[in-house]
Amino acid sequence: MRLLFITVLTLGLIAPTVGALAHHGWSWTTGGNIDLTGIIKTVRLGNPHGILKIDVDGEEWTAQVGQPWRNDRAGLKDGDLAVGVEIRLIGEPAADVSARLVKVERLFLGEQEYVLYPGRD
């Protein structure tokens, strides 16, 4: 009985961690890149990563950008990612492309390129 309790407790502690690692890694993406251009509709920056909702030809896409330190390192400043700004992004979409979710590797604001994940392209 004690062994069963320890096993269930251990699995209960490990299971949420595995899901978090899968989500925050790259395993949920296709491994290939897509290129999207649209208008930023909502912005939530912060940890564990920023989230942008983008209108791409009438479809809403969710774009994961970097953590605050990664965005800073790429050269993004406060207010660069704002509602109404046109953005072009290159990144890996979710394996289920119908989810319209992409992990951004590089983005462009006008002609300025910001590389969030060097070496991923």
Protein backbone atom coordinates (compact mmCIF):
# COMPACT_ATOMS: atom_id res chain seq x y z
CA MET A 1 0.00 0.00 0.00
CA ARG A 2 2.83 2.37 0.87
CA LEU A 3 4.54 1.61 -2.48
CA LEU A 4 1.32 2.42 -4.34
CA PHE A 5 1.00 5.72 -2.47
CA ILE A 6 4.60 6.71 -3.29
CA THR A 7 4.14 5.76 -6.95
CA VAL A 8 0.94 7.79 -7.32
CA LEU A 9 2.50 10.76 -5.51
CA THR A 10 5.60 10.66 -7.71
CA LEU A 11 3.56 10.50 -10.92
CA GLY A 12 1.40 13.36 -9.69
CA LEU A 13 4.47 15.51 -9.16
CA ILE A 14 6.16 14.63 -12.45
CA ALA A 15 3.20 14.84 -14.86
CA PRO A 16 2.72 18.65 -14.73
CA THR A 17 6.44 19.17 -15.28
CA VAL A 18 6.48 17.06 -18.44
CA GLY A 19 3.62 19.10 -19.93
CA ALA A 20 5.36 22.37 -19.11
CA LEU A 21 8.59 21.22 -20.72
CA ALA A 22 6.80 20.09 -23.86
CA HIS A 23 4.98 23.42 -24.17
CA HIS A 24 8.01 25.62 -23.55
CA GLY A 25 10.37 23.66 -25.78
CA TRP A 26 10.08 23.20 -29.52
CA SER A 27 8.58 19.71 -29.59
CA TRP A 28 5.05 21.04 -30.24
CA THR A 29 6.16 22.82 -33.45
CA THR A 30 6.46 21.44 -36.99
CA GLY A 31 10.20 21.99 -37.29
CA GLY A 32 9.65 24.12 -40.41
CA ASN A 33 9.18 27.87 -40.70
CA ILE A 34 6.30 29.97 -41.90
CA ASP A 35 6.29 33.67 -42.78
CA LEU A 36 3.29 35.76 -41.67
CA THR A 37 2.46 39.46 -41.89
CA GLY A 38 -0.36 41.08 -39.98
CA ILE A 39 -1.52 43.71 -37.52
CA ILE A 40 -1.01 43.27 -33.78
CA LYS A 41 -4.41 43.14 -32.03
CA THR A 42 -3.37 42.37 -28.42
CA VAL A 43 -0.08 42.26 -26.55
CA ARG A 44 0.90 40.50 -23.32
CA LEU A 45 4.62 40.64 -22.67
CA GLY A 46 6.33 38.97 -19.74
CA ASN A 47 7.29 35.55 -18.46
CA PRO A 48 7.38 32.78 -19.43
CA HIS A 49 7.10 34.39 -22.89
CA GLY A 50 5.20 37.18 -24.59
CA ILE A 51 1.97 36.53 -26.47
CA LEU A 52 0.73 38.56 -29.43
CA LYS A 53 -2.63 38.13 -31.14
CA ILE A 54 -2.22 39.08 -34.79
CA ASP A 55 -4.78 39.62 -37.54
CA VAL A 56 -3.39 37.92 -40.65
CA ASP A 57 -5.79 38.45 -43.57
CA GLY A 58 -8.84 38.17 -41.28
CA GLU A 59 -7.55 35.15 -39.31
CA GLU A 60 -6.34 35.52 -35.74
CA TRP A 61 -2.93 34.00 -35.05
CA THR A 62 -1.27 33.65 -31.67
CA ALA A 63 2.46 34.39 -31.72
CA GLN A 64 4.80 33.48 -28.88
CA VAL A 65 7.67 35.94 -28.69
CA GLY A 66 10.60 35.76 -26.32
CA GLN A 67 10.94 36.22 -22.62
CA PRO A 68 11.66 39.84 -21.60
CA TRP A 69 15.45 39.28 -21.53
CA ARG A 70 15.36 37.64 -24.99
CA ASN A 71 13.34 40.51 -26.47
CA ASP A 72 15.78 43.02 -24.91
CA ARG A 73 18.77 41.10 -26.30
CA ALA A 74 17.16 41.16 -29.77
CA GLY A 75 16.92 44.97 -29.52
CA LEU A 76 13.18 45.36 -28.97
CA LYS A 77 12.22 48.40 -26.87
CA ASP A 78 9.14 49.12 -24.76
CA GLY A 79 6.29 49.99 -27.08
CA ASP A 80 7.76 48.37 -30.21
CA LEU A 81 5.24 45.53 -29.98
CA ALA A 82 2.01 47.49 -29.67
CA VAL A 83 -1.61 47.25 -30.78
CA GLY A 84 -2.02 48.47 -34.36
CA VAL A 85 1.59 47.85 -35.41
CA GLU A 86 2.20 45.86 -38.59
CA ILE A 87 4.51 42.92 -37.94
CA ARG A 88 6.13 40.32 -40.13
CA LEU A 89 7.24 37.19 -38.33
CA ILE A 90 9.09 34.03 -39.20
CA GLY A 91 8.76 31.05 -36.91
CA GLU A 92 7.67 27.50 -36.32
CA PRO A 93 3.93 26.81 -36.27
CA ALA A 94 2.25 24.30 -34.00
CA ALA A 95 2.16 20.78 -35.45
CA ASP A 96 -1.62 21.31 -35.65
CA VAL A 97 -1.53 24.27 -38.05
CA SER A 98 -5.27 24.83 -37.55
CA ALA A 99 -4.39 26.09 -34.04
CA ARG A 100 -2.85 29.16 -35.73
CA LEU A 101 -0.09 29.26 -33.11
CA VAL A 102 3.52 30.11 -33.97
CA LYS A 103 6.74 30.35 -31.96
CA VAL A 104 8.52 33.40 -33.38
CA GLU A 105 12.20 33.07 -34.27
CA ARG A 106 12.59 36.40 -36.10
CA LEU A 107 10.33 39.38 -36.55
CA PHE A 108 10.35 42.54 -38.59
CA LEU A 109 8.93 45.95 -37.72
CA GLY A 110 9.21 47.87 -40.96
CA GLU A 111 12.61 46.98 -42.38
CA GLN A 112 14.18 46.38 -38.93
CA GLU A 113 14.83 42.69 -38.16
CA TYR A 114 14.84 41.35 -34.58
CA VAL A 115 16.32 37.88 -34.06
CA LEU A 116 14.85 36.20 -30.98
CA TYR A 117 16.40 32.75 -31.43
CA PRO A 118 19.77 32.99 -33.21
CA GLY A 119 20.77 29.82 -35.01
CA ARG A 120 17.23 28.43 -35.35
CA ASP A 121 16.89 29.26 -39.06
